[in-house]
Protein backbone atom coordinates (compact mmCIF):
# COMPACT_ATOMS: atom_id res chain seq x y z
CA UNK A 1 -103.05 60.44 -67.33
CA UNK A 2 -101.40 63.26 -67.02
CA UNK A 3 -103.52 66.81 -68.40
CA UNK A 4 -106.88 67.27 -69.94
CA UNK A 5 -108.62 65.03 -72.30
CA UNK A 6 -107.34 66.01 -75.80
CA UNK A 7 -104.89 68.47 -75.05
CA UNK A 8 -102.38 66.83 -74.77
CA UNK A 9 -100.38 68.35 -77.99
CA UNK A 10 -100.59 71.70 -76.55
CA UNK A 11 -98.93 70.20 -73.32
CA UNK A 12 -96.56 68.37 -75.24
CA UNK A 13 -95.41 71.92 -76.81
CA UNK A 14 -96.38 73.86 -73.82
CA UNK A 15 -93.39 72.03 -72.08
CA UNK A 16 -90.91 71.97 -75.31
CA UNK A 17 -91.21 75.67 -75.46
CA UNK A 18 -90.40 76.01 -71.43
CA UNK A 19 -87.34 73.58 -72.19
CA UNK A 20 -86.07 76.14 -74.81
CA UNK A 21 -86.24 79.27 -73.55
CA UNK A 22 -85.57 78.52 -70.06
CA UNK A 23 -83.23 80.27 -67.74
CA UNK A 24 -80.49 77.87 -68.71
CA UNK A 25 -80.53 80.12 -71.81
CA UNK A 26 -79.02 82.82 -69.45
CA UNK A 27 -77.60 81.57 -66.57
CA UNK A 28 -75.65 78.99 -68.72
CA UNK A 29 -72.92 81.69 -69.32
CA UNK A 30 -73.89 83.59 -66.18
CA UNK A 31 -71.17 82.38 -63.79
CA UNK A 32 -68.36 82.73 -66.85
CA UNK A 33 -68.89 86.38 -67.01
CA UNK A 34 -69.50 87.06 -63.26
CA UNK A 35 -66.13 85.16 -62.58
CA UNK A 36 -64.27 86.90 -65.24
CA UNK A 37 -65.69 90.12 -64.08
CA UNK A 38 -64.69 89.47 -60.05
CA UNK A 39 -60.97 88.55 -61.26
CA UNK A 40 -60.63 91.90 -63.55
CA UNK A 41 -62.07 94.11 -60.60
CA UNK A 42 -59.48 92.49 -58.67
CA UNK A 43 -56.99 92.90 -61.47
CA UNK A 44 -57.87 97.25 -62.42
CA UNK A 45 -57.87 97.49 -58.40
CA UNK A 46 -54.42 96.10 -57.81
CA UNK A 47 -53.08 98.50 -60.67
CA UNK A 48 -54.60 100.89 -59.41
CA UNK A 49 -53.01 101.10 -56.27
CA UNK A 50 -49.59 100.26 -57.94
CA UNK A 51 -49.77 101.75 -61.00
CA UNK A 52 -52.35 104.62 -61.22
CA UNK A 53 -53.51 102.99 -63.89
CA UNK A 54 -57.53 102.76 -64.39
CA UNK A 55 -60.30 100.60 -65.60
CA UNK A 56 -59.46 99.24 -68.46
CA UNK A 57 -62.37 100.88 -71.00
CA UNK A 58 -62.85 97.75 -73.49
CA UNK A 59 -63.11 95.11 -70.53
CA UNK A 60 -65.62 97.43 -69.06
CA UNK A 61 -66.40 97.52 -72.55
CA UNK A 62 -67.09 93.80 -73.16
CA UNK A 63 -68.71 93.47 -70.30
CA UNK A 64 -71.11 96.14 -70.30
CA UNK A 65 -72.19 94.76 -73.84
CA UNK A 66 -72.31 90.83 -72.70
CA UNK A 67 -74.55 92.03 -69.55
CA UNK A 68 -77.24 93.52 -71.32
CA UNK A 69 -77.83 90.97 -73.70
CA UNK A 70 -77.63 88.93 -70.93
CA UNK A 71 -80.30 91.46 -69.40
CA UNK A 72 -82.92 91.51 -72.26
CA UNK A 73 -82.29 87.64 -72.74
CA UNK A 74 -83.25 86.66 -69.27
CA UNK A 75 -86.89 89.09 -70.34
CA UNK A 76 -87.28 87.11 -73.48
CA UNK A 77 -87.50 84.33 -70.98
CA UNK A 78 -89.61 85.13 -68.48
CA UNK A 79 -92.10 86.53 -71.48
CA UNK A 80 -92.72 82.86 -72.65
CA UNK A 81 -93.32 81.88 -69.27
CA UNK A 82 -95.30 84.19 -68.42
CA UNK A 83 -97.03 83.48 -71.73
CA UNK A 84 -97.43 79.60 -70.44
CA UNK A 85 -98.47 80.59 -66.96
CA UNK A 86 -101.53 81.78 -69.24
CA UNK A 87 -101.62 79.14 -70.97
CA UNK A 88 -100.67 79.81 -74.67
CA UNK A 89 -98.44 77.99 -76.58
CA UNK A 90 -95.46 80.44 -77.79
CA UNK A 91 -92.95 77.43 -79.81
CA UNK A 92 -92.20 79.64 -82.30
CA UNK A 93 -91.39 82.23 -79.36
CA UNK A 94 -89.70 79.87 -77.13
CA UNK A 95 -87.44 78.23 -80.10
CA UNK A 96 -86.04 82.56 -80.65
CA UNK A 97 -85.12 82.52 -77.44
CA UNK A 98 -83.20 79.11 -77.36
CA UNK A 99 -81.82 80.50 -80.99
CA UNK A 100 -80.41 84.28 -79.42
CA UNK A 101 -79.92 82.46 -76.28
CA UNK A 102 -77.33 79.62 -78.34
CA UNK A 103 -75.82 82.55 -79.97
CA UNK A 104 -75.75 84.10 -76.47
CA UNK A 105 -73.33 81.69 -74.82
CA UNK A 106 -71.11 80.60 -78.04
CA UNK A 107 -70.45 84.80 -78.33
CA UNK A 108 -70.06 85.98 -74.77
CA UNK A 109 -67.35 82.61 -74.49
CA UNK A 110 -65.00 84.23 -77.43
CA UNK A 111 -65.69 88.11 -76.35
CA UNK A 112 -64.31 87.39 -73.19
CA UNK A 113 -61.69 84.89 -74.59
CA UNK A 114 -60.32 87.71 -76.64
CA UNK A 115 -61.14 90.63 -73.92
CA UNK A 116 -58.38 87.81 -71.31
CA UNK A 117 -55.65 86.92 -73.20
CA UNK A 118 -55.89 84.20 -71.83
CA UNK A 119 -54.50 80.77 -72.71
CA UNK A 120 -57.19 77.73 -72.60
CA UNK A 121 -55.23 76.29 -68.88
CA UNK A 122 -58.22 73.85 -67.77
CA UNK A 123 -56.03 73.74 -64.65
CA UNK A 124 -55.42 76.67 -64.06
CA UNK A 125 -55.29 78.67 -61.02
CA UNK A 126 -58.14 81.50 -61.32
CA UNK A 127 -61.62 79.98 -61.34
CA UNK A 128 -62.29 81.70 -65.18
CA UNK A 129 -59.26 80.28 -66.36
CA UNK A 130 -61.09 76.81 -65.74
CA UNK A 131 -64.39 77.75 -66.42
CA UNK A 132 -63.11 79.51 -69.91
CA UNK A 133 -61.73 76.41 -70.10
CA UNK A 134 -64.88 73.92 -70.07
CA UNK A 135 -66.67 76.51 -72.03
CA UNK A 136 -64.35 76.36 -75.03
CA UNK A 137 -65.03 72.75 -74.77
CA UNK A 138 -69.22 72.27 -74.78
CA UNK A 139 -69.92 76.12 -75.88
CA UNK A 140 -73.91 75.11 -77.74
CA UNK A 141 -73.63 74.95 -81.65
CA UNK A 142 -76.47 76.40 -84.13
CA UNK A 143 -79.47 73.91 -82.50
CA UNK A 144 -82.46 75.68 -84.24
CA UNK A 145 -84.65 72.84 -85.74
CA UNK A 146 -85.24 73.82 -89.51
CA UNK A 147 -88.87 73.68 -88.99
CA UNK A 148 -88.43 76.78 -87.26
CA UNK A 149 -86.90 78.49 -89.53
CA UNK A 150 -90.38 79.16 -91.46
CA UNK A 151 -92.25 79.83 -88.15
CA UNK A 152 -89.67 82.34 -87.49
CA UNK A 153 -89.22 83.90 -90.28
CA UNK A 154 -92.55 85.05 -90.85
CA UNK A 155 -92.76 86.09 -86.89
CA UNK A 156 -95.83 88.01 -86.67
CA UNK A 157 -95.65 89.63 -90.50
CA UNK A 158 -98.56 90.76 -90.98
CA UNK A 159 -100.35 94.23 -89.45
CA UNK A 160 -98.74 97.50 -88.55
CA UNK A 161 -97.62 96.58 -84.58
CA UNK A 162 -96.28 93.33 -83.55
CA UNK A 163 -96.47 94.78 -80.89
CA UNK A 164 -96.94 91.93 -77.41
CA UNK A 165 -96.57 88.89 -79.14
CA UNK A 166 -96.80 87.03 -75.80
CA UNK A 167 -99.54 88.89 -74.27
CA UNK A 168 -103.24 90.63 -74.82
CA UNK A 169 -103.10 93.49 -75.83
CA UNK A 170 -102.47 96.92 -73.74
CA UNK A 171 -102.81 100.34 -73.44
CA UNK A 172 -100.07 100.93 -75.09
CA UNK A 173 -100.79 98.56 -78.14
CA UNK A 174 -104.07 100.42 -78.88
CA UNK A 175 -102.14 104.09 -78.71
CA UNK A 176 -99.40 102.02 -81.43
CA UNK A 177 -102.06 101.04 -83.51
CA UNK A 178 -104.32 104.56 -83.15
CA UNK A 179 -100.75 106.04 -83.89
CA UNK A 180 -99.92 103.43 -86.53
CA UNK A 181 -102.80 104.10 -88.67
CA UNK A 182 -102.03 107.42 -89.29
CA UNK A 183 -98.64 107.36 -90.06
CA UNK A 184 -99.30 104.67 -92.41
CA UNK A 185 -101.89 106.66 -94.23
CA UNK A 186 -99.73 110.04 -93.77
CA UNK A 187 -96.28 109.03 -93.83
CA UNK A 188 -94.69 108.04 -97.74
CA UNK A 189 -92.25 107.51 -99.20
CA UNK A 190 -92.45 110.90 -101.03
CA UNK A 191 -93.23 112.98 -97.56
CA UNK A 192 -89.90 111.80 -95.76
CA UNK A 193 -88.08 112.44 -99.22
CA UNK A 194 -89.45 116.34 -99.08
CA UNK A 195 -89.11 116.53 -95.22
CA UNK A 196 -85.19 115.76 -96.13
CA UNK A 197 -85.33 118.07 -98.60
CA UNK A 198 -87.08 121.22 -96.77
CA UNK A 199 -86.20 119.78 -93.22
CA UNK A 200 -89.27 119.96 -91.97
CA UNK A 201 -92.87 118.19 -92.72
CA UNK A 202 -95.63 120.38 -91.20
CA UNK A 203 -98.91 118.55 -92.92
CA UNK A 204 -97.52 115.84 -90.93
CA UNK A 205 -97.51 117.08 -88.55
CA UNK A 206 -100.24 118.67 -88.26
CA UNK A 207 -102.38 115.30 -88.31
CA UNK A 208 -100.10 113.17 -85.71
CA UNK A 209 -101.10 116.32 -83.34
CA UNK A 210 -103.98 116.63 -83.80
CA UNK A 211 -104.06 112.78 -82.06
CA UNK A 212 -102.33 114.54 -79.07
CA UNK A 213 -99.68 111.67 -79.75
CA UNK A 214 -96.85 113.75 -79.22
CA UNK A 215 -97.69 114.70 -75.86
CA UNK A 216 -98.03 111.14 -74.11
CA UNK A 217 -97.04 110.41 -70.92
CA UNK A 218 -96.71 114.78 -70.25
CA UNK A 219 -99.35 115.17 -66.80
CA UNK A 220 -102.61 115.86 -68.05
CA UNK A 221 -102.88 118.63 -65.30
CA UNK A 222 -100.04 120.82 -67.78
CA UNK A 223 -100.18 124.41 -67.85
CA UNK A 224 -101.18 124.61 -71.86
CA UNK A 225 -103.74 121.92 -72.45
CA UNK A 226 -102.31 120.23 -75.12
CA UNK A 227 -100.88 117.59 -72.50
CA UNK A 228 -102.97 114.21 -72.40
CA UNK A 229 -101.49 112.20 -69.84
CA UNK A 230 -100.25 108.32 -69.74
CA UNK A 231 -97.17 106.28 -69.05
CA UNK A 232 -93.41 106.53 -70.29
CA UNK A 233 -94.77 102.50 -72.08
CA UNK A 234 -97.47 104.44 -74.31
CA UNK A 235 -95.07 107.50 -75.49
CA UNK A 236 -92.74 105.24 -76.06
CA UNK A 237 -94.87 102.33 -77.97
CA UNK A 238 -96.04 105.87 -80.07
CA UNK A 239 -91.81 106.58 -80.69
CA UNK A 240 -91.76 102.57 -82.39
CA UNK A 241 -94.04 103.54 -84.77
CA UNK A 242 -92.64 107.02 -85.42
CA UNK A 243 -89.35 103.97 -86.22
CA UNK A 244 -91.04 102.14 -88.46
CA UNK A 245 -92.73 104.86 -90.40
CA UNK A 246 -89.21 107.11 -90.35
CA UNK A 247 -91.45 110.15 -89.57
CA UNK A 248 -89.31 113.07 -89.56
CA UNK A 249 -91.38 114.82 -86.42
CA UNK A 250 -89.67 116.32 -83.37
CA UNK A 251 -92.44 113.73 -81.11
CA UNK A 252 -89.79 111.86 -79.00
CA UNK A 253 -88.76 116.06 -78.13
CA UNK A 254 -91.81 117.24 -77.63
CA UNK A 255 -93.12 114.67 -75.18
CA UNK A 256 -90.90 112.33 -73.21
CA UNK A 257 -87.76 114.60 -73.09
CA UNK A 258 -88.43 118.32 -73.18
CA UNK A 259 -92.43 117.82 -72.36
CA UNK A 260 -91.36 116.58 -69.34
CA UNK A 261 -89.14 119.21 -67.97
CA UNK A 262 -91.83 121.49 -68.97
CA UNK A 263 -93.88 119.65 -67.12
CA UNK A 264 -91.79 119.71 -64.37
CA UNK A 265 -90.83 122.82 -63.59
CA UNK A 266 -94.59 124.19 -64.74
CA UNK A 267 -93.97 125.69 -67.27
CA UNK A 268 -96.39 125.94 -70.19
CA UNK A 269 -96.66 123.20 -72.74
CA UNK A 270 -96.88 124.73 -76.10
CA UNK A 271 -99.28 123.40 -79.46
CA UNK A 272 -96.21 123.13 -81.36
CA UNK A 273 -93.63 121.45 -81.56
CA UNK A 274 -90.49 121.32 -78.69
CA UNK A 275 -86.93 120.14 -78.61
CA UNK A 276 -83.78 119.56 -76.09
CA UNK A 277 -80.94 118.09 -76.27
CA UNK A 278 -78.29 116.77 -73.27
CA UNK A 279 -76.05 119.74 -72.13
CA UNK A 280 -73.79 117.98 -70.13
CA UNK A 281 -72.15 114.40 -69.98
CA UNK A 282 -73.32 111.30 -67.85
CA UNK A 283 -71.71 111.84 -64.46
CA UNK A 284 -70.04 108.77 -64.41
CA UNK A 285 -67.79 109.96 -67.23
CA UNK A 286 -64.34 109.75 -66.47
CA UNK A 287 -61.82 111.50 -68.14
CA UNK A 288 -58.65 113.87 -67.55
CA UNK A 289 -60.94 116.99 -68.18
CA UNK A 290 -63.99 115.60 -66.21
CA UNK A 291 -64.56 117.56 -62.20
CA UNK A 292 -65.18 115.54 -59.48
CA UNK A 293 -68.26 114.09 -59.55
CA UNK A 294 -66.81 112.36 -63.52
CA UNK A 295 -68.51 115.18 -65.28
CA UNK A 296 -67.49 118.15 -67.85
CA UNK A 297 -69.24 121.37 -67.02
CA UNK A 298 -72.95 121.98 -69.07
CA UNK A 299 -72.35 123.60 -72.23
CA UNK A 300 -74.78 125.91 -70.94
CA UNK A 301 -75.13 128.47 -68.39
CA UNK A 302 -76.76 131.38 -66.38
CA UNK A 303 -75.60 133.91 -64.63
CA UNK A 304 -77.81 136.64 -62.53
CA UNK A 305 -77.12 140.08 -64.42
CA UNK A 306 -79.46 143.17 -63.09
CA UNK A 307 -81.73 141.20 -61.61
CA UNK A 308 -82.94 139.36 -64.39
CA UNK A 309 -80.97 136.14 -65.91
CA UNK A 310 -78.62 135.61 -68.59
CA UNK A 311 -77.77 132.66 -70.54
CA UNK A 312 -74.42 131.87 -72.57
CA UNK A 313 -73.27 128.79 -74.16
CA UNK A 314 -73.99 126.68 -77.08
CA UNK A 315 -75.65 123.28 -78.09
CA UNK A 316 -74.65 120.81 -80.62
CA UNK A 317 -77.38 118.94 -82.56
CA UNK A 318 -80.15 119.48 -81.44
CA UNK A 319 -83.03 118.33 -82.80
CA UNK A 320 -85.24 120.58 -84.83
CA UNK A 321 -83.99 123.82 -82.64
CA UNK A 322 -85.04 125.38 -86.41
CA UNK A 323 -88.70 124.68 -85.75
CA UNK A 324 -89.92 124.28 -82.71
CA UNK A 325 -92.04 126.11 -80.84
CA UNK A 326 -89.63 125.94 -77.72
CA UNK A 327 -86.53 125.17 -76.73
CA UNK A 328 -86.17 123.89 -73.01
CA UNK A 329 -82.42 123.53 -71.90
CA UNK A 330 -81.03 122.07 -67.87
CA UNK A 331 -78.64 124.38 -67.74
CA UNK A 332 -75.82 125.19 -64.06
CA UNK A 333 -76.75 128.49 -62.41
CA UNK A 334 -75.07 129.51 -59.15
CA UNK A 335 -77.87 128.63 -57.85
CA UNK A 336 -77.80 125.15 -59.41
CA UNK A 337 -79.43 123.52 -62.17
CA UNK A 338 -82.22 125.11 -63.94
CA UNK A 339 -84.92 124.53 -66.47
CA UNK A 340 -84.68 126.83 -69.09
CA UNK A 341 -87.00 127.66 -71.33
CA UNK A 342 -86.55 129.81 -74.71
CA UNK A 343 -88.33 131.16 -77.40
CA UNK A 344 -86.40 130.34 -80.63
CA UNK A 345 -86.08 133.52 -81.78
CA UNK A 346 -84.04 134.90 -79.16
CA UNK A 347 -80.58 132.20 -80.03
CA UNK A 348 -78.60 131.84 -82.91
CA UNK A 349 -79.23 128.67 -84.74
CA UNK A 350 -77.03 127.08 -87.79
CA UNK A 351 -78.90 124.47 -89.38
CA UNK A 352 -77.54 121.07 -89.34
CA UNK A 353 -78.86 117.74 -90.39
CA UNK A 354 -77.36 114.22 -89.19
CA UNK A 355 -76.82 111.64 -92.09
CA UNK A 356 -80.63 110.70 -91.90
CA UNK A 357 -80.65 114.67 -93.21
CA UNK A 358 -83.11 115.13 -90.05
CA UNK A 359 -82.54 118.04 -88.69
CA UNK A 360 -79.98 118.46 -85.57
CA UNK A 361 -78.88 122.08 -85.86
CA UNK A 362 -77.04 123.72 -83.05
CA UNK A 363 -78.10 127.02 -80.61
CA UNK A 364 -75.71 129.51 -79.43
CA UNK A 365 -76.54 131.71 -77.23
CA UNK A 366 -74.65 135.12 -76.85
CA UNK A 367 -76.25 136.16 -73.64
CA UNK A 368 -79.27 135.97 -73.83
CA UNK A 369 -81.72 137.21 -71.68
CA UNK A 370 -84.33 134.37 -70.05
CA UNK A 371 -87.43 135.41 -67.63
CA UNK A 372 -88.12 139.08 -67.05
CA UNK A 373 -88.35 141.05 -69.59
CA UNK A 374 -85.49 139.23 -72.08
CA UNK A 375 -88.73 136.49 -72.12
CA UNK A 376 -88.30 132.85 -71.33
CA UNK A 377 -88.53 130.98 -68.56
CA UNK A 378 -86.15 129.65 -66.09
CA UNK A 379 -86.89 127.67 -62.53
CA UNK A 380 -85.38 125.59 -60.47
CA UNK A 381 -84.37 121.81 -61.65
CA UNK A 382 -86.95 119.77 -59.04
CA UNK A 383 -86.29 116.50 -57.59
CA UNK A 384 -85.76 113.78 -60.38
CA UNK A 385 -84.78 116.60 -63.29
CA UNK A 386 -80.61 116.00 -63.29
CA UNK A 387 -78.55 115.50 -66.69
CA UNK A 388 -78.33 111.67 -65.79
CA UNK A 389 -82.35 111.26 -66.40
CA UNK A 390 -82.30 113.33 -69.70
CA UNK A 391 -80.35 111.33 -70.83
CA UNK A 392 -81.39 108.26 -69.84
CA UNK A 393 -84.65 109.50 -71.13
CA UNK A 394 -83.47 110.34 -74.86
CA UNK A 395 -81.36 106.95 -74.60
CA UNK A 396 -84.77 105.41 -74.00
CA UNK A 397 -86.23 107.18 -76.44
CA UNK A 398 -84.09 106.36 -79.08
CA UNK A 399 -84.26 102.40 -78.05
CA UNK A 400 -87.66 102.44 -78.88
CA UNK A 401 -87.72 104.34 -82.85
CA UNK A 402 -84.52 102.28 -83.26
CA UNK A 403 -86.97 98.89 -82.34
CA UNK A 404 -89.91 100.33 -84.73
CA UNK A 405 -87.58 101.09 -87.24
CA UNK A 406 -86.14 97.10 -86.92
CA UNK A 407 -89.79 95.40 -87.10
CA UNK A 408 -90.35 97.48 -90.38
CA UNK A 409 -87.13 95.91 -92.14
CA UNK A 410 -88.20 92.88 -90.41
CA UNK A 411 -91.78 93.21 -92.28
CA UNK A 412 -90.08 94.79 -95.84
CA UNK A 413 -87.84 91.92 -95.85
CA UNK A 414 -90.12 89.29 -94.76
CA UNK A 415 -92.64 90.01 -97.95
CA UNK A 416 -90.50 90.05 -100.16
CA UNK A 417 -88.91 87.12 -99.92
CA UNK A 418 -92.14 85.68 -99.14
CA UNK A 419 -93.43 86.93 -102.80
CA UNK A 420 -89.98 86.19 -104.49
CA UNK A 421 -89.62 83.47 -106.40
CA UNK A 422 -86.87 81.39 -107.90
CA UNK A 423 -86.79 77.24 -108.88
CA UNK A 424 -90.90 77.46 -108.88
CA UNK A 425 -91.36 78.79 -105.47
CA UNK A 426 -90.62 81.57 -102.34
CA UNK A 427 -87.02 82.32 -101.66
CA UNK A 428 -87.51 82.63 -98.04
CA UNK A 429 -88.49 79.06 -98.34
CA UNK A 430 -84.61 78.38 -98.84
CA UNK A 431 -82.75 77.28 -95.47
CA UNK A 432 -80.14 79.93 -96.05
CA UNK A 433 -82.48 82.20 -96.79
CA UNK A 434 -85.00 81.68 -93.92
CA UNK A 435 -81.55 81.28 -91.72
CA UNK A 436 -80.90 85.42 -92.61
CA UNK A 437 -84.78 86.00 -91.82
CA UNK A 438 -83.81 83.88 -88.66
CA UNK A 439 -81.33 86.49 -87.63
CA UNK A 440 -83.36 89.59 -88.56
CA UNK A 441 -86.24 88.42 -86.33
CA UNK A 442 -83.97 87.83 -83.26
CA UNK A 443 -82.32 91.48 -83.52
CA UNK A 444 -85.88 92.93 -84.02
CA UNK A 445 -87.35 90.42 -81.26
CA UNK A 446 -83.87 91.47 -78.41
CA UNK A 447 -84.45 94.81 -79.46
CA UNK A 448 -88.54 95.59 -78.89
CA UNK A 449 -87.92 93.82 -75.61
CA UNK A 450 -84.78 95.63 -74.00
CA UNK A 451 -86.89 99.12 -74.96
CA UNK A 452 -90.01 98.46 -73.54
CA UNK A 453 -88.56 96.77 -70.44
CA UNK A 454 -87.74 99.85 -69.92
CA UNK A 455 -90.63 101.96 -70.69
CA UNK A 456 -92.36 99.84 -68.77
CA UNK A 457 -90.12 100.29 -65.59
CA UNK A 458 -89.95 103.48 -65.83
CA UNK A 459 -91.72 106.01 -63.42
CA UNK A 460 -90.41 108.61 -61.47
CA UNK A 461 -86.59 108.03 -61.76
CA UNK A 462 -85.21 106.09 -65.03
CA UNK A 463 -84.11 102.73 -64.50
CA UNK A 464 -80.57 103.21 -65.15
CA UNK A 465 -80.04 98.86 -65.78
CA UNK A 466 -83.38 98.77 -68.23
CA UNK A 467 -82.45 101.55 -70.09
CA UNK A 468 -78.31 100.92 -70.73
CA UNK A 469 -79.44 97.85 -71.13
CA UNK A 470 -81.73 98.24 -74.07
CA UNK A 471 -79.11 101.36 -75.20
CA UNK A 472 -76.68 98.82 -75.71
CA UNK A 473 -78.55 95.89 -77.39
CA UNK A 474 -80.17 98.76 -79.81
CA UNK A 475 -77.00 100.03 -81.00
CA UNK A 476 -75.32 96.23 -81.60
CA UNK A 477 -78.93 95.20 -82.93
CA UNK A 478 -79.15 98.71 -85.11
CA UNK A 479 -75.39 97.58 -87.17
CA UNK A 480 -76.77 93.96 -87.31
CA UNK A 481 -80.08 94.93 -88.59
CA UNK A 482 -78.91 97.39 -91.24
CA UNK A 483 -76.47 95.08 -92.02
CA UNK A 484 -78.19 91.79 -92.60
CA UNK A 485 -80.92 93.63 -94.73
CA UNK A 486 -78.32 95.73 -97.24
CA UNK A 487 -78.07 91.95 -98.54
CA UNK A 488 -81.41 91.82 -99.54
CA UNK A 489 -83.00 94.16 -101.75
CA UNK A 490 -86.55 94.77 -101.19
CA UNK A 491 -88.76 97.70 -102.22
CA UNK A 492 -90.52 100.21 -99.37
CA UNK A 493 -93.80 99.18 -98.60
């Protein structure tokens, strides 16, 4: 006899779960993707030598998206494996991973076939041609058993936070539960609607700030006495709840971004909201108007006048600049990169909004004195503080917000389709609707896992690959989830 008496069904379902979500879910397409990258690199290098042509942006974007999804599916597969090691039987989770992987196997073949623009030739001279021909013939079809549609559609359909379905509660889960309780009670639809009209929700900010949630991940020893410490993963757990309830607050800017800059520079952390925004593009940007390192000059600069610093420039799309207690920016100077903390009253602020009716203001610095008699503070950016690090943290924060919003959309849709009756039964039990809900669940779990892995792996230096994958997956999933969600009516819940 194998195993323990009375646990046969558990053993069988565990083995099936491992089979459904094993490494073949992402490794089956890896060889094709790797062959395409090698041949594309060789072709581009040849073109660059002969004609001065740079890399094909279309191919590069396609490879980036495919790599991000592969990386995320790998993390999902590993999560199922860890759950099995603990003795659990994650049958529904494994079925989701299998289906996500199956769709990926189909998608990557079609994407690479389109980008390469090659005819299918099993006898072609290149490895990519042969692998592509084989993949076209053997690409899998939808194989998620019908009985798993209902389970996947109901996937984590109860409670305020479906934080970690395949593991025991963590500190991040506990933080998420605490801030979720506050937002559930204090952030109904009318509060969000009022903030869209006025640009601010002071009572909601006061409630969230009373728990210290905006300053999670800011070191406790930071000046000001409001920082509460914690990890980046815990800060992103807070942001998931902020995204879940569409809370109109600069929580990411106050802690994970602006609070991080203030603490790193040794500045005091104010008790009010903080905001920041990128003043320079990514260092890997390649275009005719970039410098030697591939970066456009920063939009804010510092210079010395009579022994004091003077800031000049402008920054667009600064979240809630009009309500901030401090604006924190990175600025170039003759002495290198500087962290600048400004009183918003010293800047000229032009109000603006984004598509969600959230404040995105333009901050104009018209030769503003900083430090000394001019107020504000300036300090050299310490190790680990850079334009790229700020951009990566910003991308991580947006991925976490999208993950929370996706979870809320899934819950609302599952609740609605479970309550709506048609022909004497809930519409969620119809196969077409169930398949629609499965797609929502898959996209939600994909972006959630990508964001959480990136957050968990963020230490002093943000992990580029993890965050790039999370940002790519979140951006694409947001569009797919929004499109899928609008096909079914649902009330605010």
